[in-house]
Amino acid sequence: QVQLVESGGGLVQAGGSLRLSCLASGGTFSRYAMGWFRQAPGKER
């Protein structure tokens, strides 16, 4: 089993920046392809 924990989200003004982090545990991280997805209300991921 692999556990993934995201952090770094929040509220930002338009034009600003954020850096999201995802910490993995429980597996060999280097062996996995990694992806980021997003889902807004009423929309598909």
PDB file of all heavy atoms in Angstrom:
ATOM      1  N   GLN A   1       0.829  -1.188   0.000  1.00  0.00           N
ATOM      2  CA  GLN A   1       0.000   0.000   0.000  1.00  0.00           C
ATOM      3  C   GLN A   1       0.871   1.249   0.000  1.00  0.00           C
ATOM      4  O   GLN A   1       1.906   1.282   0.652  1.00  0.00           O
ATOM      5  CB  GLN A   1      -0.928   0.027   1.223  1.00  0.00           C
ATOM      6  CG  GLN A   1      -1.981  -1.050   1.218  1.00  0.00           C
ATOM      7  CD  GLN A   1      -3.022  -0.824   0.145  1.00  0.00           C
ATOM      8  OE1 GLN A   1      -3.342   0.319  -0.175  1.00  0.00           O
ATOM      9  NE2 GLN A   1      -3.533  -1.902  -0.421  1.00  0.00           N
ATOM     10  N   VAL A   2       0.421   2.228  -0.735  1.00  0.00           N
ATOM     11  CA  VAL A   2       1.104   3.504  -0.814  1.00  0.00           C
ATOM     12  C   VAL A   2       0.177   4.573  -0.256  1.00  0.00           C
ATOM     13  O   VAL A   2      -0.996   4.658  -0.643  1.00  0.00           O
ATOM     14  CB  VAL A   2       1.507   3.849  -2.252  1.00  0.00           C
ATOM     15  CG1 VAL A   2       2.106   5.248  -2.317  1.00  0.00           C
ATOM     16  CG2 VAL A   2       2.494   2.818  -2.783  1.00  0.00           C
ATOM     17  N   GLN A   3       0.692   5.360   0.643  1.00  0.00           N
ATOM     18  CA  GLN A   3      -0.060   6.480   1.192  1.00  0.00           C
ATOM     19  C   GLN A   3       0.492   7.779   0.633  1.00  0.00           C
ATOM     20  O   GLN A   3       1.700   7.992   0.621  1.00  0.00           O
ATOM     21  CB  GLN A   3       0.024   6.495   2.715  1.00  0.00           C
ATOM     22  CG  GLN A   3      -0.780   7.609   3.359  1.00  0.00           C
ATOM     23  CD  GLN A   3      -0.696   7.603   4.873  1.00  0.00           C
ATOM     24  OE1 GLN A   3      -0.009   6.773   5.465  1.00  0.00           O
ATOM     25  NE2 GLN A   3      -1.386   8.527   5.507  1.00  0.00           N
ATOM     26  N   LEU A   4      -0.403   8.630   0.176  1.00  0.00           N
ATOM     27  CA  LEU A   4      -0.035   9.916  -0.386  1.00  0.00           C
ATOM     28  C   LEU A   4      -0.719  11.016   0.406  1.00  0.00           C
ATOM     29  O   LEU A   4      -1.925  10.946   0.653  1.00  0.00           O
ATOM     30  CB  LEU A   4      -0.452  10.010  -1.854  1.00  0.00           C
ATOM     31  CG  LEU A   4       0.051   8.905  -2.785  1.00  0.00           C
ATOM     32  CD1 LEU A   4      -0.579   9.059  -4.166  1.00  0.00           C
ATOM     33  CD2 LEU A   4       1.572   8.950  -2.889  1.00  0.00           C
ATOM     34  N   VAL A   5       0.037  12.020   0.778  1.00  0.00           N
ATOM     35  CA  VAL A   5      -0.492  13.134   1.555  1.00  0.00           C
ATOM     36  C   VAL A   5      -0.103  14.433   0.884  1.00  0.00           C
ATOM     37  O   VAL A   5       1.083  14.756   0.780  1.00  0.00           O
ATOM     38  CB  VAL A   5       0.019  13.114   3.004  1.00  0.00           C
ATOM     39  CG1 VAL A   5      -0.568  14.292   3.778  1.00  0.00           C
ATOM     40  CG2 VAL A   5      -0.346  11.806   3.686  1.00  0.00           C
ATOM     41  N   GLU A   6      -1.108  15.176   0.442  1.00  0.00           N
ATOM     42  CA  GLU A   6      -0.871  16.465  -0.201  1.00  0.00           C
ATOM     43  C   GLU A   6      -0.831  17.577   0.831  1.00  0.00           C
ATOM     44  O   GLU A   6      -1.472  17.492   1.887  1.00  0.00           O
ATOM     45  CB  GLU A   6      -1.967  16.785  -1.227  1.00  0.00           C
ATOM     46  CG  GLU A   6      -2.129  15.758  -2.329  1.00  0.00           C
ATOM     47  CD  GLU A   6      -3.249  14.784  -2.044  1.00  0.00           C
ATOM     48  OE1 GLU A   6      -3.606  14.601  -0.857  1.00  0.00           O
ATOM     49  OE2 GLU A   6      -3.787  14.212  -3.014  1.00  0.00           O
ATOM     50  N   SER A   7      -0.120  18.623   0.482  1.00  0.00           N
ATOM     51  CA  SER A   7      -0.093  19.821   1.300  1.00  0.00           C
ATOM     52  C   SER A   7       0.239  21.005   0.406  1.00  0.00           C
ATOM     53  O   SER A   7       0.673  20.840  -0.730  1.00  0.00           O
ATOM     54  CB  SER A   7       0.920  19.709   2.439  1.00  0.00           C
ATOM     55  OG  SER A   7       2.235  19.550   1.936  1.00  0.00           O
ATOM     56  N   GLY A   8       0.035  22.196   0.927  1.00  0.00           N
ATOM     57  CA  GLY A   8       0.410  23.401   0.212  1.00  0.00           C
ATOM     58  C   GLY A   8      -0.727  24.166  -0.409  1.00  0.00           C
ATOM     59  O   GLY A   8      -0.513  25.265  -0.945  1.00  0.00           O
ATOM     60  N   GLY A   9      -1.929  23.626  -0.356  1.00  0.00           N
ATOM     61  CA  GLY A   9      -3.067  24.342  -0.898  1.00  0.00           C
ATOM     62  C   GLY A   9      -3.451  25.506  -0.014  1.00  0.00           C
ATOM     63  O   GLY A   9      -2.959  25.669   1.099  1.00  0.00           O
ATOM     64  N   GLY A  10      -4.341  26.323  -0.530  1.00  0.00           N
ATOM     65  CA  GLY A  10      -4.795  27.470   0.229  1.00  0.00           C
ATOM     66  C   GLY A  10      -5.461  28.483  -0.656  1.00  0.00           C
ATOM     67  O   GLY A  10      -5.846  28.196  -1.789  1.00  0.00           O
ATOM     68  N   LEU A  11      -5.598  29.673  -0.122  1.00  0.00           N
ATOM     69  CA  LEU A  11      -6.230  30.785  -0.818  1.00  0.00           C
ATOM     70  C   LEU A  11      -5.153  31.711  -1.365  1.00  0.00           C
ATOM     71  O   LEU A  11      -4.231  32.097  -0.639  1.00  0.00           O
ATOM     72  CB  LEU A  11      -7.150  31.553   0.130  1.00  0.00           C
ATOM     73  CG  LEU A  11      -7.812  32.815  -0.407  1.00  0.00           C
ATOM     74  CD1 LEU A  11      -8.768  32.476  -1.544  1.00  0.00           C
ATOM     75  CD2 LEU A  11      -8.534  33.542   0.720  1.00  0.00           C
ATOM     76  N   VAL A  12      -5.283  32.059  -2.627  1.00  0.00           N
ATOM     77  CA  VAL A  12      -4.307  32.930  -3.266  1.00  0.00           C
ATOM     78  C   VAL A  12      -5.023  33.878  -4.217  1.00  0.00           C
ATOM     79  O   VAL A  12      -6.069  33.541  -4.780  1.00  0.00           O
ATOM     80  CB  VAL A  12      -3.236  32.091  -4.008  1.00  0.00           C
ATOM     81  CG1 VAL A  12      -3.858  31.310  -5.163  1.00  0.00           C
ATOM     82  CG2 VAL A  12      -2.099  32.965  -4.495  1.00  0.00           C
ATOM     83  N   GLN A  13      -4.472  35.057  -4.377  1.00  0.00           N
ATOM     84  CA  GLN A  13      -5.024  36.025  -5.311  1.00  0.00           C
ATOM     85  C   GLN A  13      -4.676  35.646  -6.745  1.00  0.00           C
ATOM     86  O   GLN A  13      -3.656  35.007  -7.003  1.00  0.00           O
ATOM     87  CB  GLN A  13      -4.487  37.424  -5.014  1.00  0.00           C
ATOM     88  CG  GLN A  13      -4.906  37.994  -3.670  1.00  0.00           C
ATOM     89  CD  GLN A  13      -6.361  38.397  -3.639  1.00  0.00           C
ATOM     90  OE1 GLN A  13      -6.921  38.823  -4.650  1.00  0.00           O
ATOM     91  NE2 GLN A  13      -6.988  38.262  -2.488  1.00  0.00           N
ATOM     92  N   ALA A  14      -5.525  36.033  -7.665  1.00  0.00           N
ATOM     93  CA  ALA A  14      -5.240  35.811  -9.076  1.00  0.00           C
ATOM     94  C   ALA A  14      -3.877  36.401  -9.435  1.00  0.00           C
ATOM     95  O   ALA A  14      -3.539  37.508  -9.015  1.00  0.00           O
ATOM     96  CB  ALA A  14      -6.325  36.425  -9.944  1.00  0.00           C
ATOM     97  N   GLY A  15      -3.122  35.631 -10.201  1.00  0.00           N
ATOM     98  CA  GLY A  15      -1.782  36.035 -10.565  1.00  0.00           C
ATOM     99  C   GLY A  15      -0.708  35.527  -9.622  1.00  0.00           C
ATOM    100  O   GLY A  15       0.478  35.610  -9.939  1.00  0.00           O
ATOM    101  N   GLY A  16      -1.121  34.993  -8.499  1.00  0.00           N
ATOM    102  CA  GLY A  16      -0.187  34.492  -7.515  1.00  0.00           C
ATOM    103  C   GLY A  16       0.247  33.069  -7.779  1.00  0.00           C
ATOM    104  O   GLY A  16      -0.123  32.453  -8.780  1.00  0.00           O
ATOM    105  N   SER A  17       1.021  32.534  -6.845  1.00  0.00           N
ATOM    106  CA  SER A  17       1.602  31.207  -6.995  1.00  0.00           C
ATOM    107  C   SER A  17       1.409  30.372  -5.747  1.00  0.00           C
ATOM    108  O   SER A  17       1.289  30.897  -4.633  1.00  0.00           O
ATOM    109  CB  SER A  17       3.109  31.309  -7.277  1.00  0.00           C
ATOM    110  OG  SER A  17       3.375  32.019  -8.469  1.00  0.00           O
ATOM    111  N   LEU A  18       1.387  29.073  -5.944  1.00  0.00           N
ATOM    112  CA  LEU A  18       1.387  28.100  -4.868  1.00  0.00           C
ATOM    113  C   LEU A  18       2.247  26.923  -5.288  1.00  0.00           C
ATOM    114  O   LEU A  18       2.345  26.614  -6.479  1.00  0.00           O
ATOM    115  CB  LEU A  18      -0.019  27.588  -4.552  1.00  0.00           C
ATOM    116  CG  LEU A  18      -0.989  28.495  -3.810  1.00  0.00           C
ATOM    117  CD1 LEU A  18      -2.367  27.839  -3.771  1.00  0.00           C
ATOM    118  CD2 LEU A  18      -0.494  28.777  -2.402  1.00  0.00           C
ATOM    119  N   ARG A  19       2.851  26.268  -4.318  1.00  0.00           N
ATOM    120  CA  ARG A  19       3.544  25.025  -4.576  1.00  0.00           C
ATOM    121  C   ARG A  19       2.918  23.921  -3.739  1.00  0.00           C
ATOM    122  O   ARG A  19       2.937  23.975  -2.507  1.00  0.00           O
ATOM    123  CB  ARG A  19       5.039  25.114  -4.266  1.00  0.00           C
ATOM    124  CG  ARG A  19       5.798  23.872  -4.765  1.00  0.00           C
ATOM    125  CD  ARG A  19       7.289  23.939  -4.534  1.00  0.00           C
ATOM    126  NE  ARG A  19       7.654  23.613  -3.161  1.00  0.00           N
ATOM    127  CZ  ARG A  19       8.864  23.195  -2.786  1.00  0.00           C
ATOM    128  NH1 ARG A  19       9.826  23.059  -3.700  1.00  0.00           N
ATOM    129  NH2 ARG A  19       9.107  22.937  -1.523  1.00  0.00           N
ATOM    130  N   LEU A  20       2.374  22.937  -4.418  1.00  0.00           N
ATOM    131  CA  LEU A  20       1.798  21.783  -3.761  1.00  0.00           C
ATOM    132  C   LEU A  20       2.862  20.707  -3.581  1.00  0.00           C
ATOM    133  O   LEU A  20       3.728  20.532  -4.434  1.00  0.00           O
ATOM    134  CB  LEU A  20       0.639  21.213  -4.568  1.00  0.00           C
ATOM    135  CG  LEU A  20      -0.478  22.181  -4.953  1.00  0.00           C
ATOM    136  CD1 LEU A  20      -1.580  21.430  -5.691  1.00  0.00           C
ATOM    137  CD2 LEU A  20      -1.030  22.895  -3.728  1.00  0.00           C
ATOM    138  N   SER A  21       2.765  19.988  -2.482  1.00  0.00           N
ATOM    139  CA  SER A  21       3.664  18.877  -2.210  1.00  0.00           C
ATOM    140  C   SER A  21       2.857  17.617  -1.973  1.00  0.00           C
ATOM    141  O   SER A  21       1.734  17.669  -1.463  1.00  0.00           O
ATOM    142  CB  SER A  21       4.529  19.160  -0.982  1.00  0.00           C
ATOM    143  OG  SER A  21       5.353  20.291  -1.174  1.00  0.00           O
ATOM    144  N   CYS A  22       3.429  16.502  -2.337  1.00  0.00           N
ATOM    145  CA  CYS A  22       2.813  15.206  -2.106  1.00  0.00           C
ATOM    146  C   CYS A  22       3.866  14.275  -1.542  1.00  0.00           C
ATOM    147  O   CYS A  22       4.826  13.924  -2.240  1.00  0.00           O
ATOM    148  CB  CYS A  22       2.235  14.644  -3.407  1.00  0.00           C
ATOM    149  SG  CYS A  22       1.575  12.970  -3.280  1.00  0.00           S
ATOM    150  N   LEU A  23       3.693  13.895  -0.297  1.00  0.00           N
ATOM    151  CA  LEU A  23       4.621  13.001   0.372  1.00  0.00           C
ATOM    152  C   LEU A  23       4.099  11.578   0.289  1.00  0.00           C
ATOM    153  O   LEU A  23       2.960  11.303   0.671  1.00  0.00           O
ATOM    154  CB  LEU A  23       4.800  13.416   1.828  1.00  0.00           C
ATOM    155  CG  LEU A  23       5.698  12.526   2.697  1.00  0.00           C
ATOM    156  CD1 LEU A  23       7.131  12.555   2.182  1.00  0.00           C
ATOM    157  CD2 LEU A  23       5.642  12.967   4.149  1.00  0.00           C
ATOM    158  N   ALA A  24       4.934  10.674  -0.199  1.00  0.00           N
ATOM    159  CA  ALA A  24       4.555   9.277  -0.364  1.00  0.00           C
ATOM    160  C   ALA A  24       5.234   8.411   0.685  1.00  0.00           C
ATOM    161  O   ALA A  24       6.380   8.644   1.063  1.00  0.00           O
ATOM    162  CB  ALA A  24       4.927   8.785  -1.755  1.00  0.00           C
ATOM    163  N   SER A  25       4.519   7.389   1.122  1.00  0.00           N
ATOM    164  CA  SER A  25       5.076   6.424   2.053  1.00  0.00           C
ATOM    165  C   SER A  25       4.472   5.056   1.771  1.00  0.00           C
ATOM    166  O   SER A  25       3.418   4.947   1.140  1.00  0.00           O
ATOM    167  CB  SER A  25       4.812   6.829   3.505  1.00  0.00           C
ATOM    168  OG  SER A  25       3.419   6.888   3.772  1.00  0.00           O
ATOM    169  N   GLY A  26       5.151   4.010   2.229  1.00  0.00           N
ATOM    170  CA  GLY A  26       4.625   2.662   2.099  1.00  0.00           C
ATOM    171  C   GLY A  26       4.981   1.943   0.812  1.00  0.00           C
ATOM    172  O   GLY A  26       4.499   0.840   0.579  1.00  0.00           O
ATOM    173  N   GLY A  27       5.801   2.527  -0.015  1.00  0.00           N
ATOM    174  CA  GLY A  27       6.207   1.912  -1.258  1.00  0.00           C
ATOM    175  C   GLY A  27       7.541   2.445  -1.734  1.00  0.00           C
ATOM    176  O   GLY A  27       8.133   3.318  -1.099  1.00  0.00           O
ATOM    177  N   THR A  28       7.993   1.913  -2.845  1.00  0.00           N
ATOM    178  CA  THR A  28       9.224   2.404  -3.452  1.00  0.00           C
ATOM    179  C   THR A  28       8.861   3.553  -4.378  1.00  0.00           C
ATOM    180  O   THR A  28       8.459   3.354  -5.521  1.00  0.00           O
ATOM    181  CB  THR A  28       9.945   1.289  -4.208  1.00  0.00           C
ATOM    182  OG1 THR A  28      10.177   0.183  -3.332  1.00  0.00           O
ATOM    183  CG2 THR A  28      11.284   1.784  -4.740  1.00  0.00           C
ATOM    184  N   PHE A  29       9.013   4.744  -3.859  1.00  0.00           N
ATOM    185  CA  PHE A  29       8.533   5.926  -4.548  1.00  0.00           C
ATOM    186  C   PHE A  29       9.100   6.058  -5.953  1.00  0.00           C
ATOM    187  O   PHE A  29       8.387   6.410  -6.897  1.00  0.00           O
ATOM    188  CB  PHE A  29       8.870   7.164  -3.709  1.00  0.00           C
ATOM    189  CG  PHE A  29       8.493   8.456  -4.356  1.00  0.00           C
ATOM    190  CD1 PHE A  29       7.180   8.878  -4.390  1.00  0.00           C
ATOM    191  CD2 PHE A  29       9.462   9.269  -4.930  1.00  0.00           C
ATOM    192  CE1 PHE A  29       6.823  10.075  -4.977  1.00  0.00           C
ATOM    193  CE2 PHE A  29       9.132  10.470  -5.520  1.00  0.00           C
ATOM    194  CZ  PHE A  29       7.800  10.873  -5.545  1.00  0.00           C
ATOM    195  N   SER A  30      10.388   5.786  -6.106  1.00  0.00           N
ATOM    196  CA  SER A  30      11.045   5.999  -7.385  1.00  0.00           C
ATOM    197  C   SER A  30      10.517   5.094  -8.489  1.00  0.00           C
ATOM    198  O   SER A  30      10.763   5.361  -9.670  1.00  0.00           O
ATOM    199  CB  SER A  30      12.560   5.821  -7.242  1.00  0.00           C
ATOM    200  OG  SER A  30      12.881   4.496  -6.847  1.00  0.00           O
ATOM    201  N   ARG A  31       9.797   4.053  -8.148  1.00  0.00           N
ATOM    202  CA  ARG A  31       9.275   3.116  -9.134  1.00  0.00           C
ATOM    203  C   ARG A  31       7.932   3.553  -9.712  1.00  0.00           C
ATOM    204  O   ARG A  31       7.456   2.957 -10.681  1.00  0.00           O
ATOM    205  CB  ARG A  31       9.134   1.723  -8.526  1.00  0.00           C
ATOM    206  CG  ARG A  31      10.454   1.110  -8.090  1.00  0.00           C
ATOM    207  CD  ARG A  31      10.257  -0.210  -7.378  1.00  0.00           C
ATOM    208  NE  ARG A  31       9.666  -1.227  -8.231  1.00  0.00           N
ATOM    209  CZ  ARG A  31       9.354  -2.457  -7.831  1.00  0.00           C
ATOM    210  NH1 ARG A  31       9.589  -2.821  -6.577  1.00  0.00           N
ATOM    211  NH2 ARG A  31       8.816  -3.316  -8.681  1.00  0.00           N
ATOM    212  N   TYR A  32       7.331   4.557  -9.140  1.00  0.00           N
ATOM    213  CA  TYR A  32       6.000   4.976  -9.557  1.00  0.00           C
ATOM    214  C   TYR A  32       6.027   6.205 -10.433  1.00  0.00           C
ATOM    215  O   TYR A  32       6.788   7.141 -10.210  1.00  0.00           O
ATOM    216  CB  TYR A  32       5.127   5.269  -8.336  1.00  0.00           C
ATOM    217  CG  TYR A  32       4.736   4.045  -7.561  1.00  0.00           C
ATOM    218  CD1 TYR A  32       5.471   3.645  -6.448  1.00  0.00           C
ATOM    219  CD2 TYR A  32       3.634   3.288  -7.944  1.00  0.00           C
ATOM    220  CE1 TYR A  32       5.115   2.515  -5.739  1.00  0.00           C
ATOM    221  CE2 TYR A  32       3.277   2.158  -7.234  1.00  0.00           C
ATOM    222  CZ  TYR A  32       4.018   1.777  -6.131  1.00  0.00           C
ATOM    223  OH  TYR A  32       3.660   0.660  -5.420  1.00  0.00           O
ATOM    224  N   ALA A  33       5.171   6.183 -11.427  1.00  0.00           N
ATOM    225  CA  ALA A  33       4.839   7.410 -12.115  1.00  0.00           C
ATOM    226  C   ALA A  33       3.912   8.216 -11.218  1.00  0.00           C
ATOM    227  O   ALA A  33       3.070   7.652 -10.522  1.00  0.00           O
ATOM    228  CB  ALA A  33       4.156   7.109 -13.446  1.00  0.00           C
ATOM    229  N   MET A  34       4.071   9.515 -11.232  1.00  0.00           N
ATOM    230  CA  MET A  34       3.281  10.378 -10.372  1.00  0.00           C
ATOM    231  C   MET A  34       2.486  11.366 -11.206  1.00  0.00           C
ATOM    232  O   MET A  34       2.964  11.857 -12.224  1.00  0.00           O
ATOM    233  CB  MET A  34       4.177  11.137  -9.399  1.00  0.00           C
ATOM    234  CG  MET A  34       5.035  10.252  -8.513  1.00  0.00           C
ATOM    235  SD  MET A  34       4.049   9.199  -7.397  1.00  0.00           S
ATOM    236  CE  MET A  34       3.204  10.435  -6.417  1.00  0.00           C
ATOM    237  N   GLY A  35       1.301  11.649 -10.738  1.00  0.00           N
ATOM    238  CA  GLY A  35       0.451  12.589 -11.448  1.00  0.00           C
ATOM    239  C   GLY A  35      -0.286  13.513 -10.511  1.00  0.00           C
ATOM    240  O   GLY A  35      -0.459  13.225  -9.323  1.00  0.00           O
ATOM    241  N   TRP A  36      -0.696  14.625 -11.062  1.00  0.00           N
ATOM    242  CA  TRP A  36      -1.569  15.574 -10.371  1.00  0.00           C
ATOM    243  C   TRP A  36      -2.859  15.718 -11.155  1.00  0.00           C
ATOM    244  O   TRP A  36      -2.836  15.882 -12.386  1.00  0.00           O
ATOM    245  CB  TRP A  36      -0.913  16.950 -10.226  1.00  0.00           C
ATOM    246  CG  TRP A  36       0.175  17.014  -9.204  1.00  0.00           C
ATOM    247  CD1 TRP A  36       1.509  16.917  -9.416  1.00  0.00           C
ATOM    248  CD2 TRP A  36       0.010  17.213  -7.791  1.00  0.00           C
ATOM    249  NE1 TRP A  36       2.198  17.044  -8.229  1.00  0.00           N
ATOM    250  CE2 TRP A  36       1.303  17.226  -7.218  1.00  0.00           C
ATOM    251  CE3 TRP A  36      -1.100  17.391  -6.958  1.00  0.00           C
ATOM    252  CZ2 TRP A  36       1.507  17.397  -5.854  1.00  0.00           C
ATOM    253  CZ3 TRP A  36      -0.897  17.558  -5.601  1.00  0.00           C
ATOM    254  CH2 TRP A  36       0.396  17.556  -5.070  1.00  0.00           C
ATOM    255  N   PHE A  37      -3.962  15.659 -10.445  1.00  0.00           N
ATOM    256  CA  PHE A  37      -5.285  15.853 -11.010  1.00  0.00           C
ATOM    257  C   PHE A  37      -6.021  16.884 -10.181  1.00  0.00           C
ATOM    258  O   PHE A  37      -5.632  17.182  -9.053  1.00  0.00           O
ATOM    259  CB  PHE A  37      -6.065  14.532 -11.027  1.00  0.00           C
ATOM    260  CG  PHE A  37      -5.500  13.498 -11.948  1.00  0.00           C
ATOM    261  CD1 PHE A  37      -4.387  12.753 -11.589  1.00  0.00           C
ATOM    262  CD2 PHE A  37      -6.079  13.256 -13.186  1.00  0.00           C
ATOM    263  CE1 PHE A  37      -3.854  11.802 -12.428  1.00  0.00           C
ATOM    264  CE2 PHE A  37      -5.564  12.300 -14.045  1.00  0.00           C
ATOM    265  CZ  PHE A  37      -4.451  11.578 -13.672  1.00  0.00           C
ATOM    266  N   ARG A  38      -7.097  17.412 -10.731  1.00  0.00           N
ATOM    267  CA  ARG A  38      -7.907  18.348  -9.975  1.00  0.00           C
ATOM    268  C   ARG A  38      -9.374  18.137 -10.307  1.00  0.00           C
ATOM    269  O   ARG A  38      -9.728  17.640 -11.368  1.00  0.00           O
ATOM    270  CB  ARG A  38      -7.506  19.797 -10.255  1.00  0.00           C
ATOM    271  CG  ARG A  38      -7.765  20.257 -11.679  1.00  0.00           C
ATOM    272  CD  ARG A  38      -7.149  21.620 -11.929  1.00  0.00           C
ATOM    273  NE  ARG A  38      -7.365  22.068 -13.292  1.00  0.00           N
ATOM    274  CZ  ARG A  38      -6.733  23.088 -13.858  1.00  0.00           C
ATOM    275  NH1 ARG A  38      -5.837  23.781 -13.146  1.00  0.00           N
ATOM    276  NH2 ARG A  38      -6.987  23.424 -15.110  1.00  0.00           N
ATOM    277  N   GLN A  39     -10.214  18.545  -9.371  1.00  0.00           N
ATOM    278  CA  GLN A  39     -11.638  18.408  -9.563  1.00  0.00           C
ATOM    279  C   GLN A  39     -12.346  19.620  -8.963  1.00  0.00           C
ATOM    280  O   GLN A  39     -12.225  19.887  -7.773  1.00  0.00           O
ATOM    281  CB  GLN A  39     -12.168  17.125  -8.925  1.00  0.00           C
ATOM    282  CG  GLN A  39     -13.619  16.839  -9.249  1.00  0.00           C
ATOM    283  CD  GLN A  39     -14.020  15.421  -8.893  1.00  0.00           C
ATOM    284  OE1 GLN A  39     -13.389  14.780  -8.049  1.00  0.00           O
ATOM    285  NE2 GLN A  39     -15.051  14.915  -9.539  1.00  0.00           N
ATOM    286  N   ALA A  40     -13.064  20.320  -9.810  1.00  0.00           N
ATOM    287  CA  ALA A  40     -13.873  21.447  -9.386  1.00  0.00           C
ATOM    288  C   ALA A  40     -15.310  20.990  -9.197  1.00  0.00           C
ATOM    289  O   ALA A  40     -15.734  19.981  -9.776  1.00  0.00           O
ATOM    290  CB  ALA A  40     -13.802  22.568 -10.418  1.00  0.00           C
ATOM    291  N   PRO A  41     -16.096  21.710  -8.401  1.00  0.00           N
ATOM    292  CA  PRO A  41     -17.486  21.314  -8.173  1.00  0.00           C
ATOM    293  C   PRO A  41     -18.257  21.151  -9.475  1.00  0.00           C
ATOM    294  O   PRO A  41     -18.216  22.017 -10.348  1.00  0.00           O
ATOM    295  CB  PRO A  41     -18.044  22.471  -7.340  1.00  0.00           C
ATOM    296  CG  PRO A  41     -16.856  23.016  -6.622  1.00  0.00           C
ATOM    297  CD  PRO A  41     -15.725  22.897  -7.609  1.00  0.00           C
ATOM    298  N   GLY A  42     -18.954  20.035  -9.599  1.00  0.00           N
ATOM    299  CA  GLY A  42     -19.767  19.778 -10.767  1.00  0.00           C
ATOM    300  C   GLY A  42     -19.011  19.335 -12.000  1.00  0.00           C
ATOM    301  O   GLY A  42     -19.617  19.180 -13.062  1.00  0.00           O
ATOM    302  N   LYS A  43     -17.715  19.123 -11.879  1.00  0.00           N
ATOM    303  CA  LYS A  43     -16.914  18.735 -13.026  1.00  0.00           C
ATOM    304  C   LYS A  43     -16.209  17.412 -12.780  1.00  0.00           C
ATOM    305  O   LYS A  43     -16.054  16.972 -11.642  1.00  0.00           O
ATOM    306  CB  LYS A  43     -15.883  19.816 -13.345  1.00  0.00           C
ATOM    307  CG  LYS A  43     -16.475  21.145 -13.781  1.00  0.00           C
ATOM    308  CD  LYS A  43     -15.385  22.125 -14.185  1.00  0.00           C
ATOM    309  CE  LYS A  43     -15.968  23.432 -14.673  1.00  0.00           C
ATOM    310  NZ  LYS A  43     -14.898  24.383 -15.079  1.00  0.00           N
ATOM    311  N   GLU A  44     -15.787  16.797 -13.875  1.00  0.00           N
ATOM    312  CA  GLU A  44     -15.019  15.573 -13.792  1.00  0.00           C
ATOM    313  C   GLU A  44     -13.616  15.862 -13.289  1.00  0.00           C
ATOM    314  O   GLU A  44     -13.086  16.966 -13.473  1.00  0.00           O
ATOM    315  CB  GLU A  44     -14.937  14.901 -15.162  1.00  0.00           C
ATOM    316  CG  GLU A  44     -16.252  14.402 -15.709  1.00  0.00           C
ATOM    317  CD  GLU A  44     -16.690  13.124 -15.053  1.00  0.00           C
ATOM    318  OE1 GLU A  44     -15.835  12.378 -14.537  1.00  0.00           O
ATOM    319  OE2 GLU A  44     -17.900  12.848 -15.052  1.00  0.00           O
ATOM    320  N   ARG A  45     -13.031  14.872 -12.665  1.00  0.00           N
ATOM    321  CA  ARG A  45     -11.640  14.988 -12.291  1.00  0.00           C
ATOM    322  C   ARG A  45     -10.795  15.042 -13.563  1.00  0.00           C
ATOM    323  O   ARG A  45     -10.945  14.208 -14.454  1.00  0.00           O
ATOM    324  CB  ARG A  45     -11.222  13.806 -11.418  1.00  0.00           C
ATOM    325  CG  ARG A  45      -9.830  13.917 -10.846  1.00  0.00           C
ATOM    326  CD  ARG A  45      -9.583  12.855  -9.783  1.00  0.00           C
ATOM    327  NE  ARG A  45     -10.499  13.000  -8.661  1.00  0.00           N
ATOM    328  CZ  ARG A  45     -10.420  12.294  -7.538  1.00  0.00           C
ATOM    329  NH1 ARG A  45      -9.460  11.390  -7.384  1.00  0.00           N
ATOM    330  NH2 ARG A  45     -11.304  12.488  -6.574  1.00  0.00           N
TER     331      ARG A  45
END
